[in-house]
Amino acid sequence: MPIVRFDPFADLNNFQNQINDFLNDFSNNNSTLPVTDIYGDDKAVNIEVHLPHFKENEINVSENEGNLEISAEHSEKSDKKYLHRESATNYYRSFSLPKNVDLDNIKAKFSHGLLVVSVPYKELPKPKKIVIESKNAK
């Protein structure tokens, strides 16, 4: 009779693999989040969201108490002979904006499935020179 090593964690590992398989199946249902890129320079924070198949009127960009909110909803209905097709795609994302941005001058552009939101920085006040008074001046 061969010697078999006892593995007390074998059942636990099998259970973990089953959970991983379930979660992978659940997440691989062809629903992916749009690619979102955030980058900045010395003038603005820029947010790019790739929204293929969306139309401009299906996208909403708003600012609410220092948060930039981007949402989009796309739906298609197709009735062909002996076929009914309906699909919907939703997207929502909220970004906390830095305190030094100009909320009144946010700009958004949408072209060829790419939404670009530019949030410019406020112009910071220039340092003011303070004159030092001296009683020992001659």
N, C-alpha and C. Protein backbone atom coordinates (compact mmCIF):
# COMPACT_ATOMS: atom_id res chain seq x y z
N MET A 1 0.85 -1.17 0.00
CA MET A 1 0.00 0.00 0.00
C MET A 1 0.90 1.24 0.00
N PRO A 2 0.68 2.15 -0.97
CA PRO A 2 1.53 3.34 -1.03
C PRO A 2 1.20 4.31 0.11
N ILE A 3 2.19 5.08 0.47
CA ILE A 3 2.00 6.09 1.52
C ILE A 3 1.50 7.37 0.85
N VAL A 4 0.39 7.89 1.37
CA VAL A 4 -0.21 9.13 0.85
C VAL A 4 -0.12 10.18 1.95
N ARG A 5 0.41 11.31 1.58
CA ARG A 5 0.51 12.39 2.57
C ARG A 5 -0.84 13.04 2.77
N PHE A 6 -1.14 13.30 4.01
CA PHE A 6 -2.40 13.95 4.35
C PHE A 6 -2.22 15.46 4.23
N ASP A 7 -3.12 16.10 3.48
CA ASP A 7 -3.09 17.56 3.32
C ASP A 7 -4.32 18.13 3.99
N PRO A 8 -4.18 18.74 5.15
CA PRO A 8 -5.35 19.26 5.86
C PRO A 8 -6.01 20.44 5.13
N PHE A 9 -5.30 21.04 4.18
CA PHE A 9 -5.84 22.20 3.49
C PHE A 9 -6.38 21.87 2.10
N ALA A 10 -6.39 20.60 1.72
CA ALA A 10 -6.85 20.21 0.39
C ALA A 10 -8.29 20.62 0.15
N ASP A 11 -9.16 20.35 1.11
CA ASP A 11 -10.57 20.72 0.95
C ASP A 11 -10.73 22.24 0.89
N LEU A 12 -9.95 22.93 1.70
CA LEU A 12 -10.01 24.40 1.68
C LEU A 12 -9.53 24.95 0.35
N ASN A 13 -8.46 24.38 -0.20
CA ASN A 13 -7.97 24.80 -1.52
C ASN A 13 -9.00 24.51 -2.61
N ASN A 14 -9.65 23.36 -2.56
CA ASN A 14 -10.70 23.03 -3.54
C ASN A 14 -11.85 24.03 -3.45
N PHE A 15 -12.23 24.37 -2.22
CA PHE A 15 -13.30 25.35 -2.03
C PHE A 15 -12.90 26.71 -2.60
N GLN A 16 -11.66 27.12 -2.34
CA GLN A 16 -11.17 28.40 -2.87
C GLN A 16 -11.18 28.39 -4.40
N ASN A 17 -10.77 27.28 -5.01
CA ASN A 17 -10.78 27.17 -6.47
C ASN A 17 -12.19 27.25 -7.02
N GLN A 18 -13.15 26.65 -6.34
CA GLN A 18 -14.55 26.72 -6.77
C GLN A 18 -15.06 28.16 -6.70
N ILE A 19 -14.71 28.87 -5.64
CA ILE A 19 -15.13 30.27 -5.52
C ILE A 19 -14.49 31.11 -6.63
N ASN A 20 -13.21 30.90 -6.88
CA ASN A 20 -12.52 31.64 -7.95
C ASN A 20 -13.16 31.36 -9.31
N ASP A 21 -13.48 30.10 -9.58
CA ASP A 21 -14.14 29.76 -10.85
C ASP A 21 -15.49 30.46 -10.97
N PHE A 22 -16.25 30.47 -9.88
CA PHE A 22 -17.56 31.13 -9.89
C PHE A 22 -17.41 32.62 -10.16
N LEU A 23 -16.48 33.27 -9.46
CA LEU A 23 -16.29 34.70 -9.65
C LEU A 23 -15.77 35.02 -11.04
N ASN A 24 -14.91 34.19 -11.59
CA ASN A 24 -14.43 34.41 -12.95
C ASN A 24 -15.55 34.27 -13.96
N ASP A 25 -16.41 33.26 -13.78
CA ASP A 25 -17.56 33.10 -14.66
C ASP A 25 -18.49 34.29 -14.55
N PHE A 26 -18.68 34.78 -13.33
CA PHE A 26 -19.58 35.91 -13.10
C PHE A 26 -19.03 37.18 -13.73
N SER A 27 -17.71 37.39 -13.64
CA SER A 27 -17.13 38.63 -14.16
C SER A 27 -16.85 38.57 -15.65
N ASN A 28 -16.87 37.40 -16.26
CA ASN A 28 -16.59 37.27 -17.69
C ASN A 28 -17.87 37.22 -18.52
N ASN A 29 -18.82 38.05 -18.17
CA ASN A 29 -20.08 38.05 -18.91
C ASN A 29 -20.10 39.15 -19.97
N ASN A 30 -18.92 39.50 -20.48
CA ASN A 30 -18.74 40.51 -21.53
C ASN A 30 -19.17 41.90 -21.11
N SER A 31 -19.29 42.16 -19.83
CA SER A 31 -19.57 43.51 -19.38
C SER A 31 -18.28 44.05 -18.77
N THR A 32 -17.64 44.94 -19.48
CA THR A 32 -16.40 45.52 -19.00
C THR A 32 -16.59 47.00 -18.79
N LEU A 33 -15.85 47.53 -17.86
CA LEU A 33 -15.90 48.96 -17.63
C LEU A 33 -15.14 49.67 -18.73
N PRO A 34 -15.61 50.81 -19.15
CA PRO A 34 -14.87 51.57 -20.15
C PRO A 34 -13.49 51.96 -19.62
N VAL A 35 -12.54 52.02 -20.52
CA VAL A 35 -11.20 52.45 -20.16
C VAL A 35 -11.27 53.91 -19.75
N THR A 36 -10.68 54.22 -18.60
CA THR A 36 -10.67 55.58 -18.09
C THR A 36 -9.23 55.96 -17.79
N ASP A 37 -8.79 57.08 -18.38
CA ASP A 37 -7.43 57.59 -18.16
C ASP A 37 -7.52 58.94 -17.49
N ILE A 38 -6.73 59.15 -16.46
CA ILE A 38 -6.67 60.43 -15.76
C ILE A 38 -5.22 60.91 -15.80
N TYR A 39 -5.03 62.11 -16.28
CA TYR A 39 -3.69 62.66 -16.33
C TYR A 39 -3.79 64.16 -16.13
N GLY A 40 -2.69 64.76 -15.79
CA GLY A 40 -2.68 66.20 -15.55
C GLY A 40 -1.42 66.83 -16.04
N ASP A 41 -1.49 68.13 -16.19
CA ASP A 41 -0.32 68.91 -16.51
C ASP A 41 -0.37 70.14 -15.61
N ASP A 42 0.39 71.17 -15.92
CA ASP A 42 0.40 72.35 -15.05
C ASP A 42 -0.83 73.24 -15.24
N LYS A 43 -1.71 72.91 -16.20
CA LYS A 43 -2.89 73.75 -16.46
C LYS A 43 -4.21 73.11 -16.06
N ALA A 44 -4.28 71.75 -16.11
CA ALA A 44 -5.57 71.11 -15.88
C ALA A 44 -5.42 69.64 -15.51
N VAL A 45 -6.48 69.11 -14.94
CA VAL A 45 -6.64 67.67 -14.76
C VAL A 45 -7.52 67.22 -15.91
N ASN A 46 -7.12 66.17 -16.62
CA ASN A 46 -7.89 65.68 -17.76
C ASN A 46 -8.34 64.25 -17.50
N ILE A 47 -9.59 63.98 -17.81
CA ILE A 47 -10.15 62.65 -17.65
C ILE A 47 -10.67 62.21 -19.01
N GLU A 48 -10.17 61.07 -19.49
CA GLU A 48 -10.62 60.51 -20.76
C GLU A 48 -11.37 59.21 -20.48
N VAL A 49 -12.58 59.10 -21.02
CA VAL A 49 -13.38 57.89 -20.86
C VAL A 49 -13.73 57.39 -22.26
N HIS A 50 -13.37 56.16 -22.54
CA HIS A 50 -13.66 55.56 -23.84
C HIS A 50 -15.07 54.96 -23.77
N LEU A 51 -15.99 55.55 -24.52
CA LEU A 51 -17.39 55.12 -24.52
C LEU A 51 -17.83 54.78 -25.94
N PRO A 52 -17.31 53.69 -26.51
CA PRO A 52 -17.73 53.34 -27.86
C PRO A 52 -19.21 52.96 -27.87
N HIS A 53 -19.87 53.20 -28.97
CA HIS A 53 -21.29 52.90 -29.20
C HIS A 53 -22.23 53.85 -28.47
N PHE A 54 -21.70 54.77 -27.67
CA PHE A 54 -22.56 55.75 -27.00
C PHE A 54 -22.72 56.97 -27.90
N LYS A 55 -23.84 57.64 -27.73
CA LYS A 55 -24.08 58.90 -28.42
C LYS A 55 -23.95 60.03 -27.40
N GLU A 56 -23.69 61.23 -27.89
CA GLU A 56 -23.47 62.37 -27.00
C GLU A 56 -24.66 62.60 -26.07
N ASN A 57 -25.88 62.42 -26.56
CA ASN A 57 -27.05 62.67 -25.72
C ASN A 57 -27.30 61.58 -24.68
N GLU A 58 -26.49 60.51 -24.69
CA GLU A 58 -26.62 59.44 -23.70
C GLU A 58 -25.63 59.61 -22.54
N ILE A 59 -24.83 60.69 -22.59
CA ILE A 59 -23.77 60.90 -21.61
C ILE A 59 -24.09 62.14 -20.78
N ASN A 60 -23.85 62.05 -19.48
CA ASN A 60 -24.09 63.17 -18.58
C ASN A 60 -22.82 63.42 -17.76
N VAL A 61 -22.37 64.68 -17.75
CA VAL A 61 -21.22 65.07 -16.94
C VAL A 61 -21.69 66.18 -16.01
N SER A 62 -21.45 66.01 -14.71
CA SER A 62 -21.88 67.04 -13.76
C SER A 62 -20.86 67.16 -12.63
N GLU A 63 -20.91 68.31 -11.97
CA GLU A 63 -20.05 68.55 -10.82
C GLU A 63 -20.97 68.74 -9.62
N ASN A 64 -20.64 68.06 -8.52
CA ASN A 64 -21.47 68.14 -7.33
C ASN A 64 -20.57 68.18 -6.11
N GLU A 65 -20.46 69.35 -5.49
CA GLU A 65 -19.70 69.55 -4.27
C GLU A 65 -18.26 69.01 -4.36
N GLY A 66 -17.58 69.36 -5.44
CA GLY A 66 -16.19 68.95 -5.61
C GLY A 66 -15.98 67.57 -6.19
N ASN A 67 -17.06 66.93 -6.58
CA ASN A 67 -16.96 65.62 -7.24
C ASN A 67 -17.42 65.75 -8.68
N LEU A 68 -16.65 65.18 -9.59
CA LEU A 68 -17.03 65.14 -10.99
C LEU A 68 -17.73 63.81 -11.22
N GLU A 69 -18.96 63.85 -11.72
CA GLU A 69 -19.73 62.63 -11.95
C GLU A 69 -19.97 62.45 -13.43
N ILE A 70 -19.64 61.27 -13.93
CA ILE A 70 -19.86 60.93 -15.34
C ILE A 70 -20.75 59.71 -15.38
N SER A 71 -21.86 59.83 -16.09
CA SER A 71 -22.75 58.69 -16.24
C SER A 71 -23.17 58.59 -17.70
N ALA A 72 -23.47 57.38 -18.11
CA ALA A 72 -23.90 57.15 -19.49
C ALA A 72 -24.83 55.96 -19.50
N GLU A 73 -25.83 56.03 -20.36
CA GLU A 73 -26.77 54.92 -20.51
C GLU A 73 -27.08 54.74 -21.98
N HIS A 74 -26.84 53.53 -22.47
CA HIS A 74 -27.04 53.22 -23.88
C HIS A 74 -27.95 52.00 -23.97
N SER A 75 -28.95 52.09 -24.81
CA SER A 75 -29.81 50.91 -24.99
C SER A 75 -30.13 50.77 -26.47
N GLU A 76 -30.29 49.53 -26.87
CA GLU A 76 -30.65 49.20 -28.25
C GLU A 76 -31.81 48.24 -28.25
N LYS A 77 -32.72 48.47 -29.16
CA LYS A 77 -33.82 47.53 -29.36
C LYS A 77 -33.89 47.23 -30.84
N SER A 78 -34.02 45.98 -31.16
CA SER A 78 -34.09 45.58 -32.55
C SER A 78 -35.17 44.53 -32.70
N ASP A 79 -36.13 44.79 -33.54
CA ASP A 79 -37.19 43.83 -33.83
C ASP A 79 -37.04 43.40 -35.29
N LYS A 80 -36.62 42.19 -35.48
CA LYS A 80 -36.55 41.62 -36.81
C LYS A 80 -37.49 40.44 -36.85
N LYS A 81 -37.76 39.95 -38.01
CA LYS A 81 -38.66 38.83 -38.14
C LYS A 81 -38.13 37.65 -37.32
N TYR A 82 -38.92 37.16 -36.40
CA TYR A 82 -38.59 36.03 -35.53
C TYR A 82 -37.42 36.31 -34.59
N LEU A 83 -37.07 37.59 -34.40
CA LEU A 83 -35.95 37.89 -33.53
C LEU A 83 -36.26 39.17 -32.77
N HIS A 84 -36.04 39.13 -31.49
CA HIS A 84 -36.16 40.33 -30.66
C HIS A 84 -34.85 40.48 -29.90
N ARG A 85 -34.21 41.61 -30.05
CA ARG A 85 -32.94 41.85 -29.38
C ARG A 85 -33.03 43.14 -28.60
N GLU A 86 -32.58 43.08 -27.36
CA GLU A 86 -32.58 44.27 -26.51
C GLU A 86 -31.33 44.22 -25.64
N SER A 87 -30.60 45.32 -25.60
CA SER A 87 -29.41 45.37 -24.75
C SER A 87 -29.31 46.76 -24.14
N ALA A 88 -28.67 46.81 -22.99
CA ALA A 88 -28.48 48.08 -22.31
C ALA A 88 -27.12 48.08 -21.64
N THR A 89 -26.47 49.23 -21.67
CA THR A 89 -25.18 49.39 -21.04
C THR A 89 -25.22 50.66 -20.21
N ASN A 90 -24.79 50.56 -18.97
CA ASN A 90 -24.75 51.71 -18.08
C ASN A 90 -23.32 51.93 -17.61
N TYR A 91 -23.00 53.19 -17.35
CA TYR A 91 -21.68 53.54 -16.82
C TYR A 91 -21.88 54.67 -15.84
N TYR A 92 -21.24 54.56 -14.68
CA TYR A 92 -21.24 55.65 -13.71
C TYR A 92 -19.90 55.66 -13.01
N ARG A 93 -19.35 56.84 -12.89
CA ARG A 93 -18.08 56.99 -12.18
C ARG A 93 -18.05 58.36 -11.55
N SER A 94 -17.52 58.44 -10.35
CA SER A 94 -17.39 59.71 -9.63
C SER A 94 -15.93 59.91 -9.27
N PHE A 95 -15.44 61.14 -9.48
CA PHE A 95 -14.05 61.47 -9.20
C PHE A 95 -14.01 62.63 -8.21
N SER A 96 -13.21 62.49 -7.17
CA SER A 96 -13.00 63.61 -6.24
C SER A 96 -11.98 64.55 -6.86
N LEU A 97 -12.37 65.80 -6.96
CA LEU A 97 -11.48 66.79 -7.58
C LEU A 97 -10.61 67.48 -6.53
N PRO A 98 -9.41 67.88 -6.91
CA PRO A 98 -8.56 68.61 -5.96
C PRO A 98 -9.20 69.96 -5.62
N LYS A 99 -8.79 70.53 -4.51
CA LYS A 99 -9.38 71.80 -4.04
C LYS A 99 -8.99 72.99 -4.93
N ASN A 100 -7.87 72.89 -5.63
CA ASN A 100 -7.37 74.04 -6.38
C ASN A 100 -7.80 74.04 -7.85
N VAL A 101 -9.00 73.50 -8.16
CA VAL A 101 -9.48 73.52 -9.54
C VAL A 101 -10.58 74.56 -9.69
N ASP A 102 -10.73 75.01 -10.92
CA ASP A 102 -11.73 76.02 -11.25
C ASP A 102 -13.01 75.32 -11.70
N LEU A 103 -13.95 75.14 -10.79
CA LEU A 103 -15.17 74.39 -11.08
C LEU A 103 -16.08 75.09 -12.09
N ASP A 104 -15.90 76.39 -12.26
CA ASP A 104 -16.75 77.14 -13.18
C ASP A 104 -16.31 77.01 -14.63
N ASN A 105 -15.14 76.46 -14.88
CA ASN A 105 -14.63 76.38 -16.26
C ASN A 105 -14.33 74.95 -16.71
N ILE A 106 -15.08 74.00 -16.21
CA ILE A 106 -14.91 72.61 -16.65
C ILE A 106 -15.44 72.50 -18.07
N LYS A 107 -14.68 71.81 -18.92
CA LYS A 107 -15.08 71.63 -20.32
C LYS A 107 -15.11 70.13 -20.63
N ALA A 108 -16.09 69.73 -21.43
CA ALA A 108 -16.20 68.34 -21.85
C ALA A 108 -16.38 68.29 -23.36
N LYS A 109 -15.68 67.35 -24.01
CA LYS A 109 -15.80 67.15 -25.45
C LYS A 109 -16.00 65.66 -25.70
N PHE A 110 -16.84 65.34 -26.67
CA PHE A 110 -17.09 63.94 -27.03
C PHE A 110 -16.96 63.80 -28.53
N SER A 111 -16.08 62.89 -28.94
CA SER A 111 -15.86 62.69 -30.37
C SER A 111 -15.39 61.26 -30.60
N HIS A 112 -16.02 60.58 -31.53
CA HIS A 112 -15.64 59.23 -31.94
C HIS A 112 -15.50 58.26 -30.76
N GLY A 113 -16.46 58.36 -29.82
CA GLY A 113 -16.47 57.43 -28.69
C GLY A 113 -15.54 57.78 -27.55
N LEU A 114 -14.90 58.95 -27.61
CA LEU A 114 -13.98 59.36 -26.55
C LEU A 114 -14.48 60.63 -25.89
N LEU A 115 -14.75 60.54 -24.58
CA LEU A 115 -15.15 61.69 -23.79
C LEU A 115 -13.90 62.23 -23.10
N VAL A 116 -13.64 63.52 -23.29
CA VAL A 116 -12.50 64.18 -22.64
C VAL A 116 -13.05 65.31 -21.79
N VAL A 117 -12.81 65.23 -20.48
CA VAL A 117 -13.24 66.27 -19.55
C VAL A 117 -11.98 66.95 -19.04
N SER A 118 -11.93 68.27 -19.19
CA SER A 118 -10.78 69.05 -18.75
C SER A 118 -11.20 69.96 -17.60
N VAL A 119 -10.52 69.81 -16.48
CA VAL A 119 -10.82 70.61 -15.29
C VAL A 119 -9.59 71.48 -15.01
N PRO A 120 -9.68 72.79 -15.35
CA PRO A 120 -8.49 73.64 -15.18
C PRO A 120 -8.24 73.98 -13.71
N TYR A 121 -6.96 74.22 -13.43
CA TYR A 121 -6.59 74.67 -12.09
C TYR A 121 -6.93 76.15 -11.95
N LYS A 122 -7.23 76.56 -10.73
CA LYS A 122 -7.41 77.99 -10.44
C LYS A 122 -6.05 78.66 -10.51
N GLU A 123 -6.09 79.92 -10.90
CA GLU A 123 -4.84 80.67 -10.86
C GLU A 123 -4.61 81.07 -9.42
N LEU A 124 -3.50 80.62 -8.90
CA LEU A 124 -3.19 80.91 -7.51
C LEU A 124 -2.74 82.35 -7.35
N PRO A 125 -3.07 82.96 -6.23
CA PRO A 125 -2.64 84.35 -6.03
C PRO A 125 -1.11 84.43 -5.96
N LYS A 126 -0.61 85.52 -6.53
CA LYS A 126 0.83 85.75 -6.52
C LYS A 126 1.27 86.15 -5.12
N PRO A 127 2.47 85.79 -4.72
CA PRO A 127 2.95 86.20 -3.41
C PRO A 127 3.07 87.73 -3.34
N LYS A 128 2.73 88.25 -2.21
CA LYS A 128 2.77 89.70 -2.02
C LYS A 128 3.94 90.02 -1.09
N LYS A 129 4.77 90.95 -1.52
CA LYS A 129 5.94 91.34 -0.71
C LYS A 129 5.48 92.25 0.41
N ILE A 130 5.94 91.93 1.58
CA ILE A 130 5.62 92.71 2.78
C ILE A 130 6.83 93.57 3.13
N VAL A 131 6.58 94.84 3.27
CA VAL A 131 7.67 95.76 3.64
C VAL A 131 7.88 95.68 5.15
N ILE A 132 9.12 95.55 5.54
CA ILE A 132 9.45 95.44 6.96
C ILE A 132 9.80 96.83 7.46
N GLU A 133 9.12 97.25 8.50
CA GLU A 133 9.41 98.54 9.08
C GLU A 133 10.48 98.36 10.16
N SER A 134 11.34 99.35 10.23
CA SER A 134 12.42 99.29 11.21
C SER A 134 12.48 100.61 11.96
N LYS A 135 12.62 100.55 13.27
CA LYS A 135 12.75 101.78 14.06
C LYS A 135 14.19 102.27 14.08
N ASN A 136 15.09 101.41 13.67
CA ASN A 136 16.51 101.77 13.68
C ASN A 136 16.96 102.39 12.38
N ALA A 137 16.05 102.75 11.50
CA ALA A 137 16.43 103.30 10.20
C ALA A 137 17.04 104.67 10.39
N LYS A 138 18.09 104.97 9.61
CA LYS A 138 18.75 106.27 9.70
C LYS A 138 18.38 107.16 8.57
